[in-house]
Amino acid sequence: MNSHQKKIACAFRFLAVLLCIYPGVQLITVVIFLLMGGQFLHLLVGVIPWLLIAAILYFSSDFLARCVVGRSDE
């Protein structure tokens, strides 16, 4: 992978981490309310898709960078 592809892959990983901020905060809120005896399990339905998208984006960042830049061998 050349340096341009590495920069693009790093950008995809950074985007994945940013995508984890919102569901992470919401997940912490759900856990706190559950510990206090609340019924907030329905909020998990909104968290799980965000975390899945972020995980897919993070772990496929090298592949996505190659798709964006093209396959050049260096």
PDB file of N, CA and C in Angstrom:
ATOM      1  N   MET A   1       0.851  -1.167   0.000  1.00  0.00           N
ATOM      2  CA  MET A   1       0.000   0.000   0.000  1.00  0.00           C
ATOM      3  C   MET A   1       0.902   1.238   0.000  1.00  0.00           C
ATOM      4  N   ASN A   2       0.635   2.177  -0.905  1.00  0.00           N
ATOM      5  CA  ASN A   2       1.462   3.381  -0.951  1.00  0.00           C
ATOM      6  C   ASN A   2       1.005   4.401   0.097  1.00  0.00           C
ATOM      7  N   SER A   3       1.720   5.517   0.180  1.00  0.00           N
ATOM      8  CA  SER A   3       1.448   6.480   1.247  1.00  0.00           C
ATOM      9  C   SER A   3       0.080   7.145   1.075  1.00  0.00           C
ATOM     10  N   HIS A   4      -0.335   7.358  -0.171  1.00  0.00           N
ATOM     11  CA  HIS A   4      -1.652   7.972  -0.391  1.00  0.00           C
ATOM     12  C   HIS A   4      -2.767   7.030   0.079  1.00  0.00           C
ATOM     13  N   GLN A   5      -2.618   5.749  -0.193  1.00  0.00           N
ATOM     14  CA  GLN A   5      -3.609   4.773   0.261  1.00  0.00           C
ATOM     15  C   GLN A   5      -3.629   4.684   1.781  1.00  0.00           C
ATOM     16  N   LYS A   6      -2.454   4.785   2.412  1.00  0.00           N
ATOM     17  CA  LYS A   6      -2.391   4.738   3.874  1.00  0.00           C
ATOM     18  C   LYS A   6      -3.105   5.937   4.492  1.00  0.00           C
ATOM     19  N   LYS A   7      -2.968   7.108   3.861  1.00  0.00           N
ATOM     20  CA  LYS A   7      -3.653   8.305   4.364  1.00  0.00           C
ATOM     21  C   LYS A   7      -5.162   8.155   4.239  1.00  0.00           C
ATOM     22  N   ILE A   8      -5.621   7.613   3.116  1.00  0.00           N
ATOM     23  CA  ILE A   8      -7.068   7.413   2.918  1.00  0.00           C
ATOM     24  C   ILE A   8      -7.588   6.380   3.925  1.00  0.00           C
ATOM     25  N   ALA A   9      -6.841   5.292   4.142  1.00  0.00           N
ATOM     26  CA  ALA A   9      -7.256   4.274   5.114  1.00  0.00           C
ATOM     27  C   ALA A   9      -7.324   4.873   6.515  1.00  0.00           C
ATOM     28  N   CYS A  10      -6.381   5.735   6.846  1.00  0.00           N
ATOM     29  CA  CYS A  10      -6.391   6.402   8.148  1.00  0.00           C
ATOM     30  C   CYS A  10      -7.627   7.299   8.266  1.00  0.00           C
ATOM     31  N   ALA A  11      -7.999   7.966   7.204  1.00  0.00           N
ATOM     32  CA  ALA A  11      -9.187   8.819   7.221  1.00  0.00           C
ATOM     33  C   ALA A  11     -10.449   7.980   7.446  1.00  0.00           C
ATOM     34  N   PHE A  12     -10.525   6.807   6.804  1.00  0.00           N
ATOM     35  CA  PHE A  12     -11.673   5.927   7.015  1.00  0.00           C
ATOM     36  C   PHE A  12     -11.729   5.435   8.460  1.00  0.00           C
ATOM     37  N   ARG A  13     -10.565   5.115   9.039  1.00  0.00           N
ATOM     38  CA  ARG A  13     -10.539   4.673  10.434  1.00  0.00           C
ATOM     39  C   ARG A  13     -10.974   5.796  11.381  1.00  0.00           C
ATOM     40  N   PHE A  14     -10.525   7.016  11.083  1.00  0.00           N
ATOM     41  CA  PHE A  14     -10.918   8.164  11.895  1.00  0.00           C
ATOM     42  C   PHE A  14     -12.422   8.388  11.817  1.00  0.00           C
ATOM     43  N   LEU A  15     -12.988   8.250  10.627  1.00  0.00           N
ATOM     44  CA  LEU A  15     -14.436   8.381  10.463  1.00  0.00           C
ATOM     45  C   LEU A  15     -15.169   7.303  11.259  1.00  0.00           C
ATOM     46  N   ALA A  16     -14.628   6.088  11.263  1.00  0.00           N
ATOM     47  CA  ALA A  16     -15.248   5.008  12.035  1.00  0.00           C
ATOM     48  C   ALA A  16     -15.231   5.318  13.528  1.00  0.00           C
ATOM     49  N   VAL A  17     -14.130   5.884  14.009  1.00  0.00           N
ATOM     50  CA  VAL A  17     -14.052   6.250  15.432  1.00  0.00           C
ATOM     51  C   VAL A  17     -15.053   7.359  15.743  1.00  0.00           C
ATOM     52  N   LEU A  18     -15.185   8.325  14.837  1.00  0.00           N
ATOM     53  CA  LEU A  18     -16.176   9.382  15.044  1.00  0.00           C
ATOM     54  C   LEU A  18     -17.592   8.819  15.077  1.00  0.00           C
ATOM     55  N   LEU A  19     -17.854   7.815  14.240  1.00  0.00           N
ATOM     56  CA  LEU A  19     -19.172   7.199  14.230  1.00  0.00           C
ATOM     57  C   LEU A  19     -19.467   6.459  15.532  1.00  0.00           C
ATOM     58  N   CYS A  20     -18.437   6.083  16.272  1.00  0.00           N
ATOM     59  CA  CYS A  20     -18.634   5.362  17.535  1.00  0.00           C
ATOM     60  C   CYS A  20     -18.946   6.295  18.699  1.00  0.00           C
ATOM     61  N   ILE A  21     -18.716   7.585  18.537  1.00  0.00           N
ATOM     62  CA  ILE A  21     -18.924   8.509  19.660  1.00  0.00           C
ATOM     63  C   ILE A  21     -20.394   8.570  20.048  1.00  0.00           C
ATOM     64  N   TYR A  22     -21.275   8.805  19.087  1.00  0.00           N
ATOM     65  CA  TYR A  22     -22.706   8.933  19.396  1.00  0.00           C
ATOM     66  C   TYR A  22     -23.279   7.657  20.017  1.00  0.00           C
ATOM     67  N   PRO A  23     -23.122   6.495  19.386  1.00  0.00           N
ATOM     68  CA  PRO A  23     -23.692   5.303  20.022  1.00  0.00           C
ATOM     69  C   PRO A  23     -23.002   4.944  21.325  1.00  0.00           C
ATOM     70  N   GLY A  24     -21.728   5.289  21.460  1.00  0.00           N
ATOM     71  CA  GLY A  24     -21.031   5.003  22.709  1.00  0.00           C
ATOM     72  C   GLY A  24     -21.614   5.786  23.865  1.00  0.00           C
ATOM     73  N   VAL A  25     -21.883   7.067  23.638  1.00  0.00           N
ATOM     74  CA  VAL A  25     -22.501   7.894  24.676  1.00  0.00           C
ATOM     75  C   VAL A  25     -23.906   7.393  24.972  1.00  0.00           C
ATOM     76  N   GLN A  26     -24.651   7.044  23.930  1.00  0.00           N
ATOM     77  CA  GLN A  26     -26.008   6.549  24.134  1.00  0.00           C
ATOM     78  C   GLN A  26     -25.987   5.212  24.876  1.00  0.00           C
ATOM     79  N   LEU A  27     -25.017   4.369  24.564  1.00  0.00           N
ATOM     80  CA  LEU A  27     -24.908   3.077  25.240  1.00  0.00           C
ATOM     81  C   LEU A  27     -24.601   3.255  26.725  1.00  0.00           C
ATOM     82  N   ILE A  28     -23.722   4.199  27.041  1.00  0.00           N
ATOM     83  CA  ILE A  28     -23.417   4.482  28.446  1.00  0.00           C
ATOM     84  C   ILE A  28     -24.674   4.981  29.165  1.00  0.00           C
ATOM     85  N   THR A  29     -25.435   5.835  28.475  1.00  0.00           N
ATOM     86  CA  THR A  29     -26.685   6.337  29.066  1.00  0.00           C
ATOM     87  C   THR A  29     -27.664   5.201  29.330  1.00  0.00           C
ATOM     88  N   VAL A  30     -27.775   4.278  28.374  1.00  0.00           N
ATOM     89  CA  VAL A  30     -28.688   3.134  28.546  1.00  0.00           C
ATOM     90  C   VAL A  30     -28.261   2.295  29.732  1.00  0.00           C
ATOM     91  N   VAL A  31     -26.960   2.033  29.865  1.00  0.00           N
ATOM     92  CA  VAL A  31     -26.465   1.214  30.973  1.00  0.00           C
ATOM     93  C   VAL A  31     -26.752   1.901  32.310  1.00  0.00           C
ATOM     94  N   ILE A  32     -26.541   3.217  32.367  1.00  0.00           N
ATOM     95  CA  ILE A  32     -26.811   3.947  33.613  1.00  0.00           C
ATOM     96  C   ILE A  32     -28.283   3.865  33.978  1.00  0.00           C
ATOM     97  N   PHE A  33     -29.165   4.074  32.974  1.00  0.00           N
ATOM     98  CA  PHE A  33     -30.602   4.009  33.269  1.00  0.00           C
ATOM     99  C   PHE A  33     -31.042   2.597  33.627  1.00  0.00           C
ATOM    100  N   LEU A  34     -30.422   1.588  33.023  1.00  0.00           N
ATOM    101  CA  LEU A  34     -30.762   0.207  33.384  1.00  0.00           C
ATOM    102  C   LEU A  34     -30.335  -0.102  34.811  1.00  0.00           C
ATOM    103  N   LEU A  35     -29.178   0.407  35.209  1.00  0.00           N
ATOM    104  CA  LEU A  35     -28.717   0.198  36.584  1.00  0.00           C
ATOM    105  C   LEU A  35     -29.624   0.898  37.586  1.00  0.00           C
ATOM    106  N   MET A  36     -30.250   1.976  37.138  1.00  0.00           N
ATOM    107  CA  MET A  36     -31.171   2.703  38.016  1.00  0.00           C
ATOM    108  C   MET A  36     -32.581   2.110  37.964  1.00  0.00           C
ATOM    109  N   GLY A  37     -32.773   1.059  37.177  1.00  0.00           N
ATOM    110  CA  GLY A  37     -34.065   0.389  37.137  1.00  0.00           C
ATOM    111  C   GLY A  37     -34.989   0.867  36.041  1.00  0.00           C
ATOM    112  N   GLY A  38     -34.475   1.632  35.082  1.00  0.00           N
ATOM    113  CA  GLY A  38     -35.312   2.134  33.990  1.00  0.00           C
ATOM    114  C   GLY A  38     -35.498   1.103  32.891  1.00  0.00           C
ATOM    115  N   GLN A  39     -36.446   1.366  32.021  1.00  0.00           N
ATOM    116  CA  GLN A  39     -36.723   0.470  30.894  1.00  0.00           C
ATOM    117  C   GLN A  39     -36.325   1.167  29.596  1.00  0.00           C
ATOM    118  N   PHE A  40     -35.054   1.198  29.296  1.00  0.00           N
ATOM    119  CA  PHE A  40     -34.562   1.912  28.129  1.00  0.00           C
ATOM    120  C   PHE A  40     -33.895   0.980  27.125  1.00  0.00           C
ATOM    121  N   LEU A  41     -34.307  -0.281  27.108  1.00  0.00           N
ATOM    122  CA  LEU A  41     -33.708  -1.231  26.170  1.00  0.00           C
ATOM    123  C   LEU A  41     -34.003  -0.872  24.716  1.00  0.00           C
ATOM    124  N   HIS A  42     -35.104  -0.152  24.469  1.00  0.00           N
ATOM    125  CA  HIS A  42     -35.432   0.219  23.099  1.00  0.00           C
ATOM    126  C   HIS A  42     -34.379   1.149  22.499  1.00  0.00           C
ATOM    127  N   LEU A  43     -33.599   1.835  23.331  1.00  0.00           N
ATOM    128  CA  LEU A  43     -32.536   2.699  22.819  1.00  0.00           C
ATOM    129  C   LEU A  43     -31.396   1.890  22.202  1.00  0.00           C
ATOM    130  N   LEU A  44     -31.238   0.632  22.623  1.00  0.00           N
ATOM    131  CA  LEU A  44     -30.188  -0.209  22.046  1.00  0.00           C
ATOM    132  C   LEU A  44     -30.420  -0.478  20.568  1.00  0.00           C
ATOM    133  N   VAL A  45     -31.682  -0.469  20.150  1.00  0.00           N
ATOM    134  CA  VAL A  45     -31.993  -0.693  18.741  1.00  0.00           C
ATOM    135  C   VAL A  45     -31.387   0.409  17.884  1.00  0.00           C
ATOM    136  N   GLY A  46     -31.304   1.618  18.424  1.00  0.00           N
ATOM    137  CA  GLY A  46     -30.678   2.712  17.692  1.00  0.00           C
ATOM    138  C   GLY A  46     -29.166   2.690  17.743  1.00  0.00           C
ATOM    139  N   VAL A  47     -28.600   2.002  18.719  1.00  0.00           N
ATOM    140  CA  VAL A  47     -27.149   1.978  18.899  1.00  0.00           C
ATOM    141  C   VAL A  47     -26.483   0.917  18.029  1.00  0.00           C
ATOM    142  N   ILE A  48     -27.097  -0.243  17.940  1.00  0.00           N
ATOM    143  CA  ILE A  48     -26.462  -1.387  17.274  1.00  0.00           C
ATOM    144  C   ILE A  48     -26.129  -1.114  15.798  1.00  0.00           C
ATOM    145  N   PRO A  49     -27.027  -0.526  15.000  1.00  0.00           N
ATOM    146  CA  PRO A  49     -26.647  -0.264  13.599  1.00  0.00           C
ATOM    147  C   PRO A  49     -25.466   0.693  13.460  1.00  0.00           C
ATOM    148  N   TRP A  50     -25.385   1.722  14.318  1.00  0.00           N
ATOM    149  CA  TRP A  50     -24.252   2.645  14.268  1.00  0.00           C
ATOM    150  C   TRP A  50     -22.940   1.914  14.550  1.00  0.00           C
ATOM    151  N   LEU A  51     -22.958   1.045  15.553  1.00  0.00           N
ATOM    152  CA  LEU A  51     -21.738   0.314  15.895  1.00  0.00           C
ATOM    153  C   LEU A  51     -21.345  -0.668  14.800  1.00  0.00           C
ATOM    154  N   LEU A  52     -22.322  -1.296  14.166  1.00  0.00           N
ATOM    155  CA  LEU A  52     -22.016  -2.205  13.051  1.00  0.00           C
ATOM    156  C   LEU A  52     -21.417  -1.457  11.867  1.00  0.00           C
ATOM    157  N   ILE A  53     -21.986  -0.323  11.522  1.00  0.00           N
ATOM    158  CA  ILE A  53     -21.450   0.477  10.412  1.00  0.00           C
ATOM    159  C   ILE A  53     -20.032   0.922  10.720  1.00  0.00           C
ATOM    160  N   ALA A  54     -19.792   1.375  11.949  1.00  0.00           N
ATOM    161  CA  ALA A  54     -18.457   1.822  12.334  1.00  0.00           C
ATOM    162  C   ALA A  54     -17.456   0.672  12.294  1.00  0.00           C
ATOM    163  N   ALA A  55     -17.861  -0.509  12.749  1.00  0.00           N
ATOM    164  CA  ALA A  55     -16.951  -1.666  12.731  1.00  0.00           C
ATOM    165  C   ALA A  55     -16.623  -2.086  11.307  1.00  0.00           C
ATOM    166  N   ILE A  56     -17.628  -2.110  10.451  1.00  0.00           N
ATOM    167  CA  ILE A  56     -17.382  -2.475   9.053  1.00  0.00           C
ATOM    168  C   ILE A  56     -16.459  -1.460   8.396  1.00  0.00           C
ATOM    169  N   LEU A  57     -16.703  -0.181   8.641  1.00  0.00           N
ATOM    170  CA  LEU A  57     -15.863   0.865   8.060  1.00  0.00           C
ATOM    171  C   LEU A  57     -14.436   0.774   8.579  1.00  0.00           C
ATOM    172  N   TYR A  58     -14.269   0.512   9.875  1.00  0.00           N
ATOM    173  CA  TYR A  58     -12.928   0.446  10.456  1.00  0.00           C
ATOM    174  C   TYR A  58     -12.141  -0.740   9.899  1.00  0.00           C
ATOM    175  N   PHE A  59     -12.766  -1.917   9.887  1.00  0.00           N
ATOM    176  CA  PHE A  59     -12.027  -3.111   9.483  1.00  0.00           C
ATOM    177  C   PHE A  59     -11.880  -3.255   7.972  1.00  0.00           C
ATOM    178  N   SER A  60     -12.651  -2.496   7.190  1.00  0.00           N
ATOM    179  CA  SER A  60     -12.493  -2.559   5.739  1.00  0.00           C
ATOM    180  C   SER A  60     -11.813  -1.311   5.195  1.00  0.00           C
ATOM    181  N   SER A  61     -11.181  -0.530   6.056  1.00  0.00           N
ATOM    182  CA  SER A  61     -10.587   0.734   5.628  1.00  0.00           C
ATOM    183  C   SER A  61      -9.468   0.536   4.608  1.00  0.00           C
ATOM    184  N   ASP A  62      -8.643  -0.504   4.759  1.00  0.00           N
ATOM    185  CA  ASP A  62      -7.580  -0.753   3.780  1.00  0.00           C
ATOM    186  C   ASP A  62      -8.169  -1.090   2.416  1.00  0.00           C
ATOM    187  N   PHE A  63      -9.191  -1.928   2.409  1.00  0.00           N
ATOM    188  CA  PHE A  63      -9.851  -2.287   1.148  1.00  0.00           C
ATOM    189  C   PHE A  63     -10.491  -1.058   0.502  1.00  0.00           C
ATOM    190  N   LEU A  64     -11.169  -0.247   1.300  1.00  0.00           N
ATOM    191  CA  LEU A  64     -11.813   0.955   0.760  1.00  0.00           C
ATOM    192  C   LEU A  64     -10.780   1.931   0.207  1.00  0.00           C
ATOM    193  N   ALA A  65      -9.637   2.046   0.870  1.00  0.00           N
ATOM    194  CA  ALA A  65      -8.583   2.943   0.381  1.00  0.00           C
ATOM    195  C   ALA A  65      -8.053   2.465  -0.959  1.00  0.00           C
ATOM    196  N   ARG A  66      -7.907   1.155  -1.118  1.00  0.00           N
ATOM    197  CA  ARG A  66      -7.454   0.628  -2.409  1.00  0.00           C
ATOM    198  C   ARG A  66      -8.489   0.877  -3.491  1.00  0.00           C
ATOM    199  N   CYS A  67      -9.762   0.796  -3.135  1.00  0.00           N
ATOM    200  CA  CYS A  67     -10.822   1.057  -4.114  1.00  0.00           C
ATOM    201  C   CYS A  67     -10.844   2.523  -4.526  1.00  0.00           C
ATOM    202  N   VAL A  68     -10.615   3.421  -3.584  1.00  0.00           N
ATOM    203  CA  VAL A  68     -10.663   4.852  -3.882  1.00  0.00           C
ATOM    204  C   VAL A  68      -9.458   5.276  -4.708  1.00  0.00           C
ATOM    205  N   VAL A  69      -8.273   4.825  -4.318  1.00  0.00           N
ATOM    206  CA  VAL A  69      -7.041   5.262  -4.971  1.00  0.00           C
ATOM    207  C   VAL A  69      -6.731   4.410  -6.195  1.00  0.00           C
ATOM    208  N   GLY A  70      -7.028   3.146  -6.126  1.00  0.00           N
ATOM    209  CA  GLY A  70      -6.653   2.222  -7.189  1.00  0.00           C
ATOM    210  C   GLY A  70      -5.554   1.315  -6.700  1.00  0.00           C
ATOM    211  N   ARG A  71      -5.333   0.254  -7.418  1.00  0.00           N
ATOM    212  CA  ARG A  71      -4.319  -0.713  -6.996  1.00  0.00           C
ATOM    213  C   ARG A  71      -2.980  -0.384  -7.641  1.00  0.00           C
ATOM    214  N   SER A  72      -2.130   0.270  -6.869  1.00  0.00           N
ATOM    215  CA  SER A  72      -0.779   0.554  -7.349  1.00  0.00           C
ATOM    216  C   SER A  72       0.199  -0.109  -6.402  1.00  0.00           C
ATOM    217  N   ASP A  73       1.196  -0.746  -6.941  1.00  0.00           N
ATOM    218  CA  ASP A  73       2.179  -1.449  -6.111  1.00  0.00           C
ATOM    219  C   ASP A  73       3.393  -0.565  -5.898  1.00  0.00           C
ATOM    220  N   GLU A  74       3.723  -0.338  -4.640  1.00  0.00           N
ATOM    221  CA  GLU A  74       4.920   0.419  -4.285  1.00  0.00           C
ATOM    222  C   GLU A  74       5.677  -0.295  -3.221  1.00  0.00           C
TER     223      GLU A  74
END
